[in-house]
């Protein structure tokens, strides 16, 4: 069964370093797609929404890290979360009024 997730990429487009556009990132991620991974969308170049089947979320992060390391010549950190985790976090946020703390 396919599962949705989000990959968060650290350190892109900050202080003039590791510059990449959304379109460049989208083109880069085409190379890591296969039957087990499909890139659905991007929110800015550093938030990647994906669908995976039969692989762990961490494996998705490692694939993204590998193509970014090839591009920039240095390690770029990526962390992944399931949509269930994201939904749980959002539920916590909406249960409490964090805007007025």
Protein backbone atom coordinates (compact mmCIF):
# COMPACT_ATOMS: atom_id res chain seq x y z
CA UNK A 1 0.00 0.00 0.00
CA UNK A 2 1.31 3.44 -0.94
CA UNK A 3 2.07 5.87 1.87
CA UNK A 4 2.48 9.64 1.74
CA UNK A 5 5.35 11.50 3.31
CA UNK A 6 7.27 14.75 3.37
CA UNK A 7 11.03 15.21 3.08
CA UNK A 8 12.53 18.32 4.65
CA UNK A 9 15.86 19.41 3.17
CA UNK A 10 18.14 21.48 5.37
CA UNK A 11 20.30 24.38 4.22
CA UNK A 12 19.12 25.12 0.70
CA UNK A 13 19.14 28.69 -0.60
CA UNK A 14 20.48 30.11 2.65
CA UNK A 15 23.07 32.88 2.72
CA UNK A 16 23.71 32.45 -1.01
CA UNK A 17 24.71 28.80 -0.59
CA UNK A 18 23.29 25.62 -2.09
CA UNK A 19 21.15 27.59 -4.52
CA UNK A 20 18.47 25.61 -6.33
CA UNK A 21 15.11 26.54 -7.81
CA UNK A 22 11.93 24.49 -7.47
CA UNK A 23 12.15 23.53 -11.14
CA UNK A 24 15.81 22.45 -10.81
CA UNK A 25 14.91 20.36 -7.74
CA UNK A 26 11.95 18.79 -9.55
CA UNK A 27 14.21 17.83 -12.47
CA UNK A 28 16.82 16.43 -10.09
CA UNK A 29 14.28 14.28 -8.26
CA UNK A 30 13.10 12.61 -11.46
CA UNK A 31 16.28 10.49 -11.28
CA UNK A 32 15.31 8.91 -7.94
CA UNK A 33 11.76 7.97 -8.91
CA UNK A 34 10.90 4.35 -9.61
CA UNK A 35 8.12 1.87 -8.82
CA UNK A 36 8.67 2.38 -5.08
CA UNK A 37 8.89 6.20 -5.03
CA UNK A 38 6.93 8.95 -6.72
CA UNK A 39 7.52 12.66 -6.12
CA UNK A 40 4.09 14.31 -5.89
CA UNK A 41 4.92 17.98 -5.39
CA UNK A 42 7.28 20.50 -3.84
CA UNK A 43 6.61 23.40 -1.52
CA UNK A 44 9.61 25.56 -2.23
CA UNK A 45 12.66 23.48 -3.17
CA UNK A 46 13.25 22.17 0.35
CA UNK A 47 9.89 20.53 1.18
CA UNK A 48 9.17 17.48 -0.94
CA UNK A 49 5.86 15.62 -0.87
CA UNK A 50 6.21 12.00 -1.95
CA UNK A 51 4.42 8.67 -2.17
CA UNK A 52 6.33 5.49 -1.36
CA UNK A 53 5.64 1.78 -1.56
CA UNK A 54 7.72 -0.98 0.02
CA UNK A 55 10.59 1.21 1.25
CA UNK A 56 11.19 3.01 4.52
CA UNK A 57 10.82 6.77 4.85
CA UNK A 58 14.51 7.00 5.73
CA UNK A 59 15.40 5.37 2.40
CA UNK A 60 13.59 8.19 0.60
CA UNK A 61 15.67 10.71 2.54
CA UNK A 62 18.88 8.89 1.64
CA UNK A 63 18.00 8.96 -2.05
CA UNK A 64 17.39 12.70 -1.93
CA UNK A 65 20.61 13.25 0.03
CA UNK A 66 22.58 11.31 -2.57
CA UNK A 67 21.46 13.39 -5.55
CA UNK A 68 21.99 16.62 -3.63
CA UNK A 69 25.47 15.52 -2.57
CA UNK A 70 26.29 14.83 -6.20
CA UNK A 71 25.03 18.29 -7.15
CA UNK A 72 26.66 20.34 -4.39
CA UNK A 73 29.70 18.17 -3.65
CA UNK A 74 28.93 18.03 0.06
CA UNK A 75 26.46 16.40 2.41
CA UNK A 76 23.00 17.96 2.57
CA UNK A 77 20.81 16.76 5.43
CA UNK A 78 17.31 15.43 4.71
CA UNK A 79 14.73 14.22 7.19
CA UNK A 80 11.44 12.55 6.33
CA UNK A 81 8.10 12.26 8.08
CA UNK A 82 4.92 10.38 7.29
CA UNK A 83 1.75 12.30 6.57
CA UNK A 84 0.28 10.61 9.66
CA UNK A 85 2.99 12.27 11.76
CA UNK A 86 2.41 15.62 10.07
CA UNK A 87 -1.34 15.30 10.67
CA UNK A 88 -0.71 14.46 14.33
CA UNK A 89 1.45 17.54 14.73
CA UNK A 90 -1.15 19.73 13.04
CA UNK A 91 -3.86 18.33 15.30
CA UNK A 92 -1.78 19.28 18.34
CA UNK A 93 -1.28 22.78 16.96
CA UNK A 94 -4.98 23.29 16.29
CA UNK A 95 -6.00 21.89 19.71
CA UNK A 96 -3.98 24.64 21.40
CA UNK A 97 -3.85 28.30 20.58
CA UNK A 98 -0.11 28.69 20.02
CA UNK A 99 -0.66 32.07 18.35
CA UNK A 100 -1.53 33.65 21.70
CA UNK A 101 1.00 32.14 24.11
